[in-house]
Amino acid sequence: MAGVINIALTGLAAATRQLNASASNIANLQTVGSLQEGGQAPYTPLTTSQTTATGDGGQPYGVNSTYAPRNPPFVPAFDPDSPFADENGIIGVPNINLAEEAVNINLAELQFKANVSVIEAASELDEELLSIFDERV
């Protein structure tokens, strides 16, 4: 059962990474910047990418999760009073959609619950197996 638990733990780590990315995006929603080269760039939103982790024999043993910058990272907006505005009053605003971030947070919550359920089920199966061995020995 250790393999099942390890797989679930990689799922928990992936959900944590997804939650962290969404939290960072929401926290930096208003971190604007300059679109001009050499200026302070706006915050670059994060996404996560998940791939299957496989062993030497090609057997899956979990999930790998990595951060990736969102493409495009920011969108132009008109704010001539901003210190980051160019001669046309354009600044860069992070390309963040709050509705999408809310969905990502809900997905991370579901991933947490699913992986914890797997760990609980594996633990119950281990306990049942040990009790059967105790009865027979």
Protein backbone atom coordinates (compact mmCIF):
# COMPACT_ATOMS: atom_id res chain seq x y z
CA MET A 1 0.00 0.00 0.00
CA ALA A 2 3.00 2.29 0.33
CA GLY A 3 2.93 2.84 -3.45
CA VAL A 4 -0.68 3.98 -3.33
CA ILE A 5 0.06 6.33 -0.45
CA ASN A 6 3.09 7.77 -2.25
CA ILE A 7 0.98 8.39 -5.36
CA ALA A 8 -1.65 10.16 -3.25
CA LEU A 9 1.06 12.25 -1.58
CA THR A 10 2.28 13.45 -4.99
CA GLY A 11 -1.33 14.39 -5.73
CA LEU A 12 -1.48 16.38 -2.50
CA ALA A 13 1.74 18.17 -3.45
CA ALA A 14 0.30 19.00 -6.89
CA ALA A 15 -2.89 20.37 -5.33
CA THR A 16 -0.79 22.49 -2.97
CA ARG A 17 1.16 23.90 -5.89
CA GLN A 18 -2.07 24.74 -7.74
CA LEU A 19 -3.50 26.42 -4.65
CA ASN A 20 -0.28 28.42 -4.14
CA ALA A 21 -0.31 29.61 -7.75
CA SER A 22 -3.92 30.80 -7.51
CA ALA A 23 -3.30 32.49 -4.15
CA SER A 24 -0.27 34.29 -5.59
CA ASN A 25 -2.26 35.40 -8.62
CA ILE A 26 -5.09 36.77 -6.49
CA ALA A 27 -2.68 38.53 -4.14
CA ASN A 28 -0.93 40.20 -7.07
CA LEU A 29 -4.02 41.10 -9.07
CA GLN A 30 -3.21 44.82 -8.84
CA THR A 31 0.57 44.55 -9.31
CA VAL A 32 0.81 46.57 -12.50
CA GLY A 33 3.93 47.68 -14.30
CA SER A 34 5.48 49.20 -17.36
CA LEU A 35 5.31 47.69 -20.83
CA GLN A 36 8.51 49.49 -21.81
CA GLU A 37 11.77 47.60 -21.89
CA GLY A 38 13.86 48.26 -18.81
CA GLY A 39 10.85 49.34 -16.75
CA GLN A 40 9.34 47.47 -13.84
CA ALA A 41 7.33 44.67 -15.44
CA PRO A 42 3.87 43.79 -14.13
CA TYR A 43 3.39 40.63 -12.10
CA THR A 44 3.54 37.48 -14.22
CA PRO A 45 0.66 35.18 -13.26
CA LEU A 46 1.39 31.52 -12.60
CA THR A 47 -0.26 28.37 -13.82
CA THR A 48 0.61 24.79 -13.02
CA SER A 49 1.39 21.95 -15.34
CA GLN A 50 0.96 18.34 -14.27
CA THR A 51 2.53 15.29 -15.87
CA THR A 52 2.58 11.63 -14.93
CA ALA A 53 5.67 10.57 -13.02
CA THR A 54 6.90 7.20 -14.24
CA GLY A 55 9.59 4.85 -13.03
CA ASP A 56 12.28 3.01 -14.96
CA GLY A 57 9.84 0.38 -16.22
CA GLY A 58 7.31 2.98 -17.29
CA GLN A 59 5.12 2.29 -14.28
CA PRO A 60 3.32 5.40 -13.02
CA TYR A 61 4.18 6.43 -9.47
CA GLY A 62 2.42 9.75 -9.13
CA VAL A 63 2.26 13.18 -10.65
CA ASN A 64 4.83 15.89 -11.22
CA SER A 65 3.62 19.46 -10.92
CA THR A 66 5.52 22.55 -11.98
CA TYR A 67 4.84 26.27 -12.10
CA ALA A 68 4.67 27.93 -15.50
CA PRO A 69 4.11 31.57 -16.44
CA ARG A 70 0.74 32.37 -17.97
CA ASN A 71 0.84 33.32 -21.64
CA PRO A 72 0.28 36.18 -22.26
CA PRO A 73 1.40 37.29 -18.79
CA PHE A 74 -0.19 40.72 -18.91
CA VAL A 75 -2.56 42.85 -20.93
CA PRO A 76 -2.35 46.54 -21.76
CA ALA A 77 -4.65 48.94 -19.92
CA PHE A 78 -5.16 52.69 -20.05
CA ASP A 79 -4.08 54.49 -16.88
CA PRO A 80 -2.34 57.78 -17.71
CA ASP A 81 -1.93 58.67 -13.99
CA SER A 82 0.14 55.56 -13.23
CA PRO A 83 3.88 56.05 -12.74
CA PHE A 84 4.33 53.08 -15.12
CA ALA A 85 2.35 54.65 -17.98
CA ASP A 86 4.06 55.18 -21.31
CA GLU A 87 3.58 58.27 -23.48
CA ASN A 88 0.13 56.93 -24.49
CA GLY A 89 -0.97 56.26 -20.89
CA ILE A 90 -0.72 52.46 -21.31
CA ILE A 91 0.38 50.17 -18.48
CA GLY A 92 0.62 46.39 -18.14
CA VAL A 93 -1.96 44.65 -15.97
CA PRO A 94 -1.53 40.97 -14.95
CA ASN A 95 -3.63 38.62 -17.08
CA ILE A 96 -5.65 37.26 -14.16
CA ASN A 97 -9.27 36.16 -14.28
CA LEU A 98 -10.75 35.93 -10.77
CA ALA A 99 -13.42 33.46 -11.89
CA GLU A 100 -10.73 31.15 -13.26
CA GLU A 101 -8.73 31.45 -10.03
CA ALA A 102 -11.84 30.58 -7.98
CA VAL A 103 -12.34 27.47 -10.12
CA ASN A 104 -8.67 26.54 -9.67
CA ILE A 105 -9.00 26.88 -5.90
CA ASN A 106 -12.10 24.65 -5.93
CA LEU A 107 -10.27 22.09 -8.07
CA ALA A 108 -7.35 22.09 -5.64
CA GLU A 109 -9.81 21.48 -2.78
CA LEU A 110 -11.32 18.52 -4.65
CA GLN A 111 -7.83 17.16 -5.35
CA PHE A 112 -6.99 17.41 -1.64
CA LYS A 113 -10.18 15.58 -0.66
CA ALA A 114 -9.70 12.84 -3.27
CA ASN A 115 -6.09 12.19 -2.32
CA VAL A 116 -6.84 12.19 1.42
CA SER A 117 -9.64 9.68 0.74
CA VAL A 118 -7.15 7.44 -1.07
CA ILE A 119 -4.76 7.63 1.88
CA GLU A 120 -7.57 6.84 4.34
CA ALA A 121 -8.75 3.87 2.24
CA ALA A 122 -5.20 2.52 1.96
CA SER A 123 -4.77 2.86 5.72
CA GLU A 124 -8.04 1.01 6.36
CA LEU A 125 -6.98 -1.78 4.00
CA ASP A 126 -3.61 -2.06 5.78
CA GLU A 127 -5.34 -2.27 9.16
CA GLU A 128 -7.76 -4.92 7.90
CA LEU A 129 -4.92 -6.95 6.42
CA LEU A 130 -2.95 -6.79 9.67
CA SER A 131 -6.00 -7.85 11.68
CA ILE A 132 -6.47 -10.86 9.39
CA PHE A 133 -2.83 -11.83 9.91
CA ASP A 134 -3.22 -11.41 13.69
CA GLU A 135 -6.25 -13.72 13.70
CA ARG A 136 -4.42 -16.43 11.77
CA VAL A 137 -1.11 -16.28 13.63
